Amino acid sequence: MKKILFVFVAVLCLGNIAVLPVEADELQKEEGLTELNQIMVANEAVEARETPTNSGKVVITYESGDSVFVIGETKDGWYQVSYQDKEGYVKKSALTMQEFDVEGLDKEFQQTEAEGKLVIEEVERYRAEAKRSRIWGIIIVLLVVGIFATGIISTTRIEKEKRKIIDLDKED
């Protein structure tokens, strides 16, 4: 019984998922919206409206030069735009295509990548230097301890020899 119920629920869910794209296409056809999904630039200060009319309520305001994500284009000369979960409509004349200097961006990316590599190399050099510094610090401490130990041992031997000589002189 559980298997049958599971299969029934799975088929029901898959059936609902398959219907969603069809509903989106139907909605797009109803609104007369052509899907674009691209970034454009505001030519001037512009207000996005709730409906594709000049009388629609203002929902988003863009400044000149702002990047605008365009969802689609209506048949009557408006772009549907989106910003921070808000959607609105802007006249086509207020936006232009975002021009990208691909070569310039590529050069900038390569320069940034090269700078990143230099930073990584510098960090690795710093780490190696710090490691060597710690090793030399340990070696110096061991040498100082060794010198003190040698001095103490030498002093102790000299004192023992002096006592032996004094003891031998006393016996004579």
N, C-alpha and C. Protein backbone atom coordinates (compact mmCIF):
# COMPACT_ATOMS: atom_id res chain seq x y z
N MET A 1 0.82 -1.19 0.00
CA MET A 1 0.00 0.00 0.00
C MET A 1 0.87 1.26 0.00
N LYS A 2 1.98 1.25 0.80
CA LYS A 2 2.85 2.42 0.86
C LYS A 2 3.51 2.67 -0.49
N LYS A 3 3.88 1.59 -1.19
CA LYS A 3 4.51 1.74 -2.50
C LYS A 3 3.55 2.38 -3.48
N ILE A 4 2.32 1.95 -3.47
CA ILE A 4 1.32 2.50 -4.39
C ILE A 4 1.10 3.98 -4.09
N LEU A 5 1.01 4.33 -2.82
CA LEU A 5 0.83 5.72 -2.42
C LEU A 5 2.03 6.56 -2.84
N PHE A 6 3.25 6.03 -2.64
CA PHE A 6 4.46 6.74 -3.04
C PHE A 6 4.49 6.98 -4.54
N VAL A 7 4.19 5.96 -5.34
CA VAL A 7 4.17 6.09 -6.80
C VAL A 7 3.13 7.12 -7.22
N PHE A 8 1.96 7.08 -6.59
CA PHE A 8 0.89 8.03 -6.91
C PHE A 8 1.34 9.47 -6.65
N VAL A 9 1.98 9.71 -5.48
CA VAL A 9 2.45 11.05 -5.13
C VAL A 9 3.55 11.49 -6.09
N ALA A 10 4.46 10.59 -6.44
CA ALA A 10 5.55 10.92 -7.37
C ALA A 10 5.00 11.31 -8.73
N VAL A 11 4.05 10.55 -9.25
CA VAL A 11 3.44 10.86 -10.55
C VAL A 11 2.71 12.19 -10.49
N LEU A 12 2.02 12.44 -9.40
CA LEU A 12 1.30 13.70 -9.23
C LEU A 12 2.26 14.89 -9.23
N CYS A 13 3.38 14.76 -8.51
CA CYS A 13 4.37 15.85 -8.46
C CYS A 13 5.00 16.07 -9.83
N LEU A 14 5.39 15.01 -10.50
CA LEU A 14 6.00 15.15 -11.83
C LEU A 14 5.02 15.76 -12.81
N GLY A 15 3.78 15.40 -12.70
CA GLY A 15 2.77 15.98 -13.59
C GLY A 15 2.63 17.47 -13.38
N ASN A 16 2.68 17.93 -12.14
CA ASN A 16 2.59 19.36 -11.85
C ASN A 16 3.81 20.11 -12.35
N ILE A 17 4.99 19.51 -12.20
CA ILE A 17 6.22 20.16 -12.66
C ILE A 17 6.20 20.30 -14.18
N ALA A 18 5.73 19.30 -14.88
CA ALA A 18 5.71 19.34 -16.34
C ALA A 18 4.77 20.42 -16.85
N VAL A 19 3.77 20.80 -16.09
CA VAL A 19 2.79 21.80 -16.53
C VAL A 19 3.34 23.22 -16.38
N LEU A 20 4.26 23.46 -15.44
CA LEU A 20 4.75 24.80 -15.16
C LEU A 20 5.35 25.50 -16.38
N PRO A 21 6.27 24.89 -17.16
CA PRO A 21 6.80 25.59 -18.32
C PRO A 21 5.73 25.94 -19.34
N VAL A 22 4.74 25.08 -19.51
CA VAL A 22 3.66 25.35 -20.45
C VAL A 22 2.88 26.57 -19.99
N GLU A 23 2.60 26.67 -18.68
CA GLU A 23 1.88 27.82 -18.16
C GLU A 23 2.68 29.10 -18.36
N ALA A 24 4.01 29.04 -18.17
CA ALA A 24 4.85 30.22 -18.37
C ALA A 24 4.82 30.66 -19.83
N ASP A 25 4.86 29.69 -20.76
CA ASP A 25 4.79 30.03 -22.18
C ASP A 25 3.45 30.67 -22.52
N GLU A 26 2.37 30.12 -21.96
CA GLU A 26 1.04 30.69 -22.21
C GLU A 26 0.94 32.10 -21.67
N LEU A 27 1.49 32.33 -20.48
CA LEU A 27 1.46 33.66 -19.88
C LEU A 27 2.25 34.64 -20.73
N GLN A 28 3.39 34.18 -21.24
CA GLN A 28 4.22 35.03 -22.09
C GLN A 28 3.47 35.41 -23.36
N LYS A 29 2.76 34.47 -23.96
CA LYS A 29 2.00 34.75 -25.17
C LYS A 29 0.85 35.70 -24.87
N GLU A 30 0.21 35.53 -23.71
CA GLU A 30 -0.90 36.40 -23.33
C GLU A 30 -0.43 37.84 -23.16
N GLU A 31 0.71 38.04 -22.52
CA GLU A 31 1.20 39.39 -22.27
C GLU A 31 1.88 39.99 -23.50
N GLY A 32 2.17 39.19 -24.51
CA GLY A 32 2.87 39.69 -25.68
C GLY A 32 4.31 40.06 -25.36
N LEU A 33 4.94 39.27 -24.52
CA LEU A 33 6.28 39.55 -24.04
C LEU A 33 7.28 38.63 -24.71
N THR A 34 8.33 39.21 -25.28
CA THR A 34 9.42 38.43 -25.85
C THR A 34 10.53 38.37 -24.81
N GLU A 35 10.97 37.17 -24.48
CA GLU A 35 11.98 36.99 -23.43
C GLU A 35 13.34 37.48 -23.91
N LEU A 36 14.05 38.27 -23.08
CA LEU A 36 15.38 38.78 -23.43
C LEU A 36 16.45 38.31 -22.44
N ASN A 37 16.22 38.55 -21.13
CA ASN A 37 17.18 38.19 -20.08
C ASN A 37 18.59 38.70 -20.38
N GLN A 38 18.72 40.02 -20.41
CA GLN A 38 20.03 40.62 -20.63
C GLN A 38 20.15 41.93 -19.85
N ILE A 39 21.37 42.42 -19.79
CA ILE A 39 21.62 43.65 -19.04
C ILE A 39 21.73 44.81 -20.02
N MET A 40 21.04 45.90 -19.68
CA MET A 40 21.09 47.12 -20.48
C MET A 40 21.46 48.28 -19.56
N VAL A 41 21.71 49.45 -20.16
CA VAL A 41 22.10 50.63 -19.41
C VAL A 41 21.05 51.72 -19.58
N ALA A 42 20.74 52.40 -18.47
CA ALA A 42 19.78 53.51 -18.53
C ALA A 42 20.46 54.72 -19.16
N ASN A 43 19.85 55.27 -20.23
CA ASN A 43 20.39 56.45 -20.91
C ASN A 43 20.21 57.71 -20.07
N GLU A 44 19.20 57.70 -19.24
CA GLU A 44 18.81 58.87 -18.45
C GLU A 44 18.16 58.37 -17.18
N ALA A 45 17.86 59.28 -16.28
CA ALA A 45 17.10 58.89 -15.09
C ALA A 45 15.73 58.42 -15.56
N VAL A 46 15.33 57.24 -15.14
CA VAL A 46 14.10 56.65 -15.65
C VAL A 46 13.36 55.93 -14.53
N GLU A 47 12.04 55.92 -14.64
CA GLU A 47 11.21 55.24 -13.65
C GLU A 47 10.57 54.02 -14.28
N ALA A 48 10.70 52.89 -13.61
CA ALA A 48 10.02 51.67 -14.07
C ALA A 48 8.63 51.67 -13.47
N ARG A 49 7.66 51.36 -14.31
CA ARG A 49 6.26 51.43 -13.88
C ARG A 49 5.67 50.04 -13.73
N GLU A 50 4.61 49.97 -12.95
CA GLU A 50 3.93 48.71 -12.66
C GLU A 50 3.32 48.09 -13.91
N THR A 51 2.85 48.94 -14.82
CA THR A 51 2.24 48.48 -16.08
C THR A 51 2.95 49.18 -17.23
N PRO A 52 2.90 48.62 -18.43
CA PRO A 52 3.59 49.24 -19.57
C PRO A 52 2.81 50.45 -20.13
N THR A 53 2.55 51.42 -19.25
CA THR A 53 1.90 52.68 -19.66
C THR A 53 2.53 53.81 -18.86
N ASN A 54 2.42 55.02 -19.37
CA ASN A 54 2.97 56.18 -18.66
C ASN A 54 2.20 56.48 -17.38
N SER A 55 1.00 55.98 -17.26
CA SER A 55 0.18 56.25 -16.08
C SER A 55 0.36 55.20 -14.98
N GLY A 56 1.16 54.17 -15.24
CA GLY A 56 1.37 53.13 -14.24
C GLY A 56 2.13 53.64 -13.02
N LYS A 57 1.91 52.99 -11.89
CA LYS A 57 2.56 53.36 -10.63
C LYS A 57 4.07 53.08 -10.74
N VAL A 58 4.90 54.02 -10.24
CA VAL A 58 6.36 53.88 -10.27
C VAL A 58 6.77 52.87 -9.20
N VAL A 59 7.53 51.84 -9.62
CA VAL A 59 7.98 50.81 -8.66
C VAL A 59 9.50 50.80 -8.48
N ILE A 60 10.23 51.26 -9.49
CA ILE A 60 11.70 51.27 -9.43
C ILE A 60 12.17 52.56 -10.10
N THR A 61 13.21 53.19 -9.56
CA THR A 61 13.80 54.37 -10.19
C THR A 61 15.26 54.07 -10.50
N TYR A 62 15.68 54.36 -11.73
CA TYR A 62 17.06 54.15 -12.16
C TYR A 62 17.69 55.50 -12.47
N GLU A 63 18.96 55.64 -12.17
CA GLU A 63 19.73 56.83 -12.53
C GLU A 63 20.40 56.59 -13.87
N SER A 64 20.82 57.65 -14.52
CA SER A 64 21.52 57.53 -15.79
C SER A 64 22.80 56.72 -15.59
N GLY A 65 23.02 55.73 -16.44
CA GLY A 65 24.22 54.89 -16.35
C GLY A 65 24.03 53.63 -15.53
N ASP A 66 22.90 53.50 -14.84
CA ASP A 66 22.64 52.29 -14.05
C ASP A 66 22.47 51.08 -14.96
N SER A 67 22.95 49.95 -14.50
CA SER A 67 22.71 48.69 -15.22
C SER A 67 21.32 48.19 -14.87
N VAL A 68 20.62 47.73 -15.87
CA VAL A 68 19.23 47.29 -15.70
C VAL A 68 19.10 45.88 -16.26
N PHE A 69 18.53 44.96 -15.47
CA PHE A 69 18.29 43.61 -15.97
C PHE A 69 16.94 43.59 -16.67
N VAL A 70 16.98 43.29 -17.97
CA VAL A 70 15.76 43.29 -18.78
C VAL A 70 15.28 41.85 -18.93
N ILE A 71 14.06 41.60 -18.47
CA ILE A 71 13.46 40.27 -18.57
C ILE A 71 12.93 40.02 -19.97
N GLY A 72 12.22 41.01 -20.49
CA GLY A 72 11.61 40.81 -21.79
C GLY A 72 11.20 42.12 -22.42
N GLU A 73 10.59 42.01 -23.60
CA GLU A 73 10.18 43.17 -24.38
C GLU A 73 8.73 43.00 -24.80
N THR A 74 7.94 44.05 -24.62
CA THR A 74 6.54 43.99 -25.05
C THR A 74 6.45 44.42 -26.51
N LYS A 75 5.31 44.13 -27.11
CA LYS A 75 5.11 44.48 -28.52
C LYS A 75 4.94 45.98 -28.72
N ASP A 76 4.53 46.68 -27.66
CA ASP A 76 4.24 48.11 -27.81
C ASP A 76 5.37 49.02 -27.32
N GLY A 77 6.63 48.54 -27.32
CA GLY A 77 7.78 49.41 -27.06
C GLY A 77 8.20 49.59 -25.62
N TRP A 78 7.97 48.61 -24.79
CA TRP A 78 8.39 48.66 -23.39
C TRP A 78 9.26 47.45 -23.08
N TYR A 79 10.22 47.65 -22.15
CA TYR A 79 11.00 46.54 -21.62
C TYR A 79 10.47 46.20 -20.23
N GLN A 80 10.37 44.90 -19.95
CA GLN A 80 10.05 44.47 -18.59
C GLN A 80 11.38 44.29 -17.87
N VAL A 81 11.54 44.96 -16.72
CA VAL A 81 12.81 44.94 -16.00
C VAL A 81 12.60 44.37 -14.60
N SER A 82 13.72 43.98 -13.97
CA SER A 82 13.66 43.40 -12.64
C SER A 82 14.79 43.97 -11.80
N TYR A 83 14.47 44.26 -10.52
CA TYR A 83 15.47 44.75 -9.58
C TYR A 83 15.02 44.43 -8.17
N GLN A 84 15.83 43.67 -7.43
CA GLN A 84 15.56 43.31 -6.03
C GLN A 84 14.13 42.80 -5.84
N ASP A 85 13.78 41.77 -6.56
CA ASP A 85 12.47 41.13 -6.49
C ASP A 85 11.30 42.05 -6.87
N LYS A 86 11.60 43.14 -7.54
CA LYS A 86 10.54 44.02 -8.05
C LYS A 86 10.61 43.98 -9.57
N GLU A 87 9.46 44.01 -10.20
CA GLU A 87 9.41 44.04 -11.65
C GLU A 87 8.65 45.28 -12.09
N GLY A 88 9.07 45.83 -13.23
CA GLY A 88 8.41 47.01 -13.76
C GLY A 88 8.64 47.10 -15.25
N TYR A 89 8.13 48.18 -15.85
CA TYR A 89 8.25 48.39 -17.29
C TYR A 89 8.90 49.74 -17.54
N VAL A 90 9.83 49.75 -18.52
CA VAL A 90 10.55 50.96 -18.91
C VAL A 90 10.44 51.09 -20.42
N LYS A 91 10.29 52.33 -20.92
CA LYS A 91 10.23 52.55 -22.36
C LYS A 91 11.55 52.12 -23.00
N LYS A 92 11.45 51.54 -24.19
CA LYS A 92 12.64 51.04 -24.88
C LYS A 92 13.66 52.14 -25.13
N SER A 93 13.18 53.35 -25.41
CA SER A 93 14.09 54.45 -25.74
C SER A 93 14.97 54.86 -24.55
N ALA A 94 14.59 54.48 -23.34
CA ALA A 94 15.35 54.88 -22.15
C ALA A 94 16.53 53.95 -21.85
N LEU A 95 16.60 52.81 -22.54
CA LEU A 95 17.67 51.83 -22.28
C LEU A 95 18.44 51.53 -23.55
N THR A 96 19.72 51.25 -23.41
CA THR A 96 20.54 50.80 -24.54
C THR A 96 21.27 49.53 -24.14
N MET A 97 21.67 48.79 -25.15
CA MET A 97 22.40 47.54 -24.91
C MET A 97 23.71 47.83 -24.20
N GLN A 98 24.05 46.98 -23.27
CA GLN A 98 25.32 47.09 -22.55
C GLN A 98 26.42 46.62 -23.49
N GLU A 99 27.34 47.52 -23.80
CA GLU A 99 28.47 47.16 -24.67
C GLU A 99 29.62 46.68 -23.79
N PHE A 100 30.15 45.54 -24.12
CA PHE A 100 31.27 44.99 -23.37
C PHE A 100 32.51 44.99 -24.24
N ASP A 101 33.59 45.51 -23.70
CA ASP A 101 34.88 45.46 -24.37
C ASP A 101 35.52 44.14 -23.98
N VAL A 102 35.26 43.12 -24.79
CA VAL A 102 35.70 41.77 -24.45
C VAL A 102 37.22 41.70 -24.32
N GLU A 103 37.92 42.35 -25.26
CA GLU A 103 39.39 42.32 -25.20
C GLU A 103 39.89 43.04 -23.95
N GLY A 104 39.28 44.18 -23.64
CA GLY A 104 39.68 44.92 -22.44
C GLY A 104 39.41 44.13 -21.18
N LEU A 105 38.23 43.50 -21.13
CA LEU A 105 37.89 42.67 -19.97
C LEU A 105 38.83 41.48 -19.86
N ASP A 106 39.19 40.90 -21.01
CA ASP A 106 40.11 39.76 -21.00
C ASP A 106 41.48 40.19 -20.49
N LYS A 107 41.96 41.36 -20.96
CA LYS A 107 43.25 41.86 -20.48
C LYS A 107 43.20 42.15 -18.98
N GLU A 108 42.11 42.76 -18.54
CA GLU A 108 41.96 43.06 -17.12
C GLU A 108 41.92 41.77 -16.30
N PHE A 109 41.22 40.76 -16.81
CA PHE A 109 41.16 39.47 -16.12
C PHE A 109 42.55 38.84 -16.04
N GLN A 110 43.29 38.89 -17.16
CA GLN A 110 44.64 38.31 -17.16
C GLN A 110 45.55 39.06 -16.19
N GLN A 111 45.42 40.39 -16.16
CA GLN A 111 46.23 41.18 -15.23
C GLN A 111 45.89 40.84 -13.78
N THR A 112 44.60 40.73 -13.50
CA THR A 112 44.17 40.37 -12.15
C THR A 112 44.67 38.98 -11.78
N GLU A 113 44.61 38.07 -12.74
CA GLU A 113 45.09 36.71 -12.49
C GLU A 113 46.59 36.71 -12.22
N ALA A 114 47.35 37.51 -13.00
CA ALA A 114 48.80 37.59 -12.79
C ALA A 114 49.10 38.20 -11.42
N GLU A 115 48.36 39.24 -11.04
CA GLU A 115 48.55 39.84 -9.72
C GLU A 115 48.23 38.83 -8.62
N GLY A 116 47.19 38.04 -8.83
CA GLY A 116 46.84 37.01 -7.86
C GLY A 116 47.95 35.98 -7.70
N LYS A 117 48.56 35.60 -8.83
CA LYS A 117 49.67 34.65 -8.77
C LYS A 117 50.85 35.24 -8.01
N LEU A 118 51.12 36.54 -8.24
CA LEU A 118 52.22 37.19 -7.53
C LEU A 118 51.95 37.23 -6.03
N VAL A 119 50.72 37.51 -5.66
CA VAL A 119 50.36 37.54 -4.24
C VAL A 119 50.55 36.15 -3.63
N ILE A 120 50.12 35.12 -4.35
CA ILE A 120 50.28 33.76 -3.84
C ILE A 120 51.75 33.42 -3.68
N GLU A 121 52.57 33.79 -4.68
CA GLU A 121 54.01 33.53 -4.58
C GLU A 121 54.61 34.26 -3.39
N GLU A 122 54.20 35.51 -3.19
CA GLU A 122 54.72 36.30 -2.07
C GLU A 122 54.33 35.66 -0.74
N VAL A 123 53.11 35.20 -0.63
CA VAL A 123 52.66 34.54 0.60
C VAL A 123 53.46 33.27 0.83
N GLU A 124 53.69 32.50 -0.22
CA GLU A 124 54.47 31.27 -0.07
C GLU A 124 55.91 31.58 0.35
N ARG A 125 56.49 32.65 -0.23
CA ARG A 125 57.84 33.05 0.18
C ARG A 125 57.86 33.46 1.64
N TYR A 126 56.85 34.21 2.05
CA TYR A 126 56.76 34.66 3.44
C TYR A 126 56.66 33.46 4.38
N ARG A 127 55.83 32.49 4.01
CA ARG A 127 55.69 31.28 4.84
C ARG A 127 57.01 30.53 4.94
N ALA A 128 57.70 30.38 3.80
CA ALA A 128 58.98 29.67 3.80
C ALA A 128 60.00 30.43 4.66
N GLU A 129 60.00 31.76 4.53
CA GLU A 129 60.91 32.57 5.32
C GLU A 129 60.61 32.45 6.81
N ALA A 130 59.34 32.46 7.16
CA ALA A 130 58.95 32.31 8.57
C ALA A 130 59.36 30.94 9.09
N LYS A 131 59.21 29.92 8.26
CA LYS A 131 59.60 28.56 8.67
C LYS A 131 61.11 28.50 8.89
N ARG A 132 61.88 29.08 7.94
CA ARG A 132 63.34 29.10 8.10
C ARG A 132 63.73 29.88 9.35
N SER A 133 63.03 30.97 9.59
CA SER A 133 63.32 31.80 10.76
C SER A 133 63.09 31.00 12.05
N ARG A 134 62.01 30.25 12.11
CA ARG A 134 61.75 29.42 13.29
C ARG A 134 62.83 28.35 13.45
N ILE A 135 63.22 27.75 12.34
CA ILE A 135 64.26 26.70 12.40
C ILE A 135 65.56 27.30 12.91
N TRP A 136 65.96 28.48 12.36
CA TRP A 136 67.20 29.11 12.82
C TRP A 136 67.09 29.53 14.29
N GLY A 137 65.92 29.96 14.70
CA GLY A 137 65.73 30.30 16.11
C GLY A 137 65.96 29.10 17.01
N ILE A 138 65.42 27.96 16.60
CA ILE A 138 65.60 26.72 17.38
C ILE A 138 67.07 26.33 17.40
N ILE A 139 67.74 26.42 16.25
CA ILE A 139 69.17 26.07 16.17
C ILE A 139 69.99 26.97 17.09
N ILE A 140 69.71 28.27 17.07
CA ILE A 140 70.46 29.20 17.92
C ILE A 140 70.24 28.89 19.39
N VAL A 141 69.00 28.62 19.77
CA VAL A 141 68.71 28.27 21.17
C VAL A 141 69.47 27.01 21.56
N LEU A 142 69.46 26.00 20.69
CA LEU A 142 70.18 24.75 20.99
C LEU A 142 71.69 25.00 21.11
N LEU A 143 72.24 25.85 20.24
CA LEU A 143 73.67 26.15 20.32
C LEU A 143 74.01 26.88 21.63
N VAL A 144 73.17 27.84 22.01
CA VAL A 144 73.42 28.57 23.27
C VAL A 144 73.34 27.61 24.45
N VAL A 145 72.33 26.74 24.46
CA VAL A 145 72.21 25.75 25.53
C VAL A 145 73.44 24.83 25.51
N GLY A 146 73.88 24.44 24.32
CA GLY A 146 75.07 23.59 24.21
C GLY A 146 76.31 24.28 24.74
N ILE A 147 76.46 25.57 24.44
CA ILE A 147 77.62 26.32 24.93
C ILE A 147 77.59 26.40 26.45
N PHE A 148 76.41 26.72 27.01
CA PHE A 148 76.30 26.77 28.47
C PHE A 148 76.59 25.41 29.09
N ALA A 149 76.05 24.36 28.49
CA ALA A 149 76.28 23.01 29.03
C ALA A 149 77.77 22.68 28.97
N THR A 150 78.42 23.00 27.86
CA THR A 150 79.85 22.74 27.72
C THR A 150 80.63 23.54 28.77
N GLY A 151 80.25 24.80 28.96
CA GLY A 151 80.93 25.63 29.98
C GLY A 151 80.76 25.06 31.37
N ILE A 152 79.55 24.63 31.69
CA ILE A 152 79.29 24.06 33.02
C ILE A 152 80.08 22.78 33.21
N ILE A 153 80.06 21.92 32.19
CA ILE A 153 80.80 20.65 32.28
C ILE A 153 82.30 20.92 32.41
N SER A 154 82.81 21.86 31.62
CA SER A 154 84.25 22.19 31.69
C SER A 154 84.61 22.73 33.07
N THR A 155 83.78 23.62 33.58
CA THR A 155 84.04 24.19 34.91
C THR A 155 84.01 23.10 35.97
N THR A 156 83.06 22.20 35.88
CA THR A 156 82.95 21.11 36.84
C THR A 156 84.20 20.23 36.76
N ARG A 157 84.69 19.92 35.60
CA ARG A 157 85.89 19.07 35.46
C ARG A 157 87.12 19.77 36.02
N ILE A 158 87.21 21.07 35.72
CA ILE A 158 88.37 21.81 36.24
C ILE A 158 88.34 21.81 37.76
N GLU A 159 87.16 22.02 38.34
CA GLU A 159 87.03 22.02 39.80
C GLU A 159 87.40 20.65 40.37
N LYS A 160 86.99 19.59 39.71
CA LYS A 160 87.33 18.24 40.19
C LYS A 160 88.83 18.02 40.12
N GLU A 161 89.45 18.47 39.03
CA GLU A 161 90.90 18.28 38.90
C GLU A 161 91.65 19.10 39.95
N LYS A 162 91.17 20.32 40.22
CA LYS A 162 91.81 21.14 41.26
C LYS A 162 91.69 20.45 42.62
N ARG A 163 90.53 19.86 42.90
CA ARG A 163 90.35 19.16 44.18
C ARG A 163 91.30 17.96 44.27
N LYS A 164 91.44 17.25 43.14
CA LYS A 164 92.36 16.11 43.14
C LYS A 164 93.78 16.56 43.42
N ILE A 165 94.17 17.67 42.78
CA ILE A 165 95.54 18.17 42.99
C ILE A 165 95.71 18.61 44.44
N ILE A 166 94.72 19.29 44.97
CA ILE A 166 94.79 19.74 46.36
C ILE A 166 94.82 18.53 47.29
N ASP A 167 94.02 17.53 47.01
CA ASP A 167 94.01 16.32 47.83
C ASP A 167 95.35 15.60 47.73
N LEU A 168 95.96 15.57 46.56
CA LEU A 168 97.26 14.93 46.40
C LEU A 168 98.34 15.71 47.15
N ASP A 169 98.25 17.03 47.11
CA ASP A 169 99.23 17.86 47.82
C ASP A 169 99.09 17.68 49.33
N LYS A 170 97.88 17.52 49.80
CA LYS A 170 97.66 17.33 51.23
C LYS A 170 98.21 15.97 51.68
N GLU A 171 98.12 15.00 50.83
CA GLU A 171 98.63 13.68 51.18
C GLU A 171 100.16 13.70 51.22
N ASP A 172 100.76 14.48 50.49
CA ASP A 172 102.22 14.54 50.45
C ASP A 172 102.71 15.32 51.57
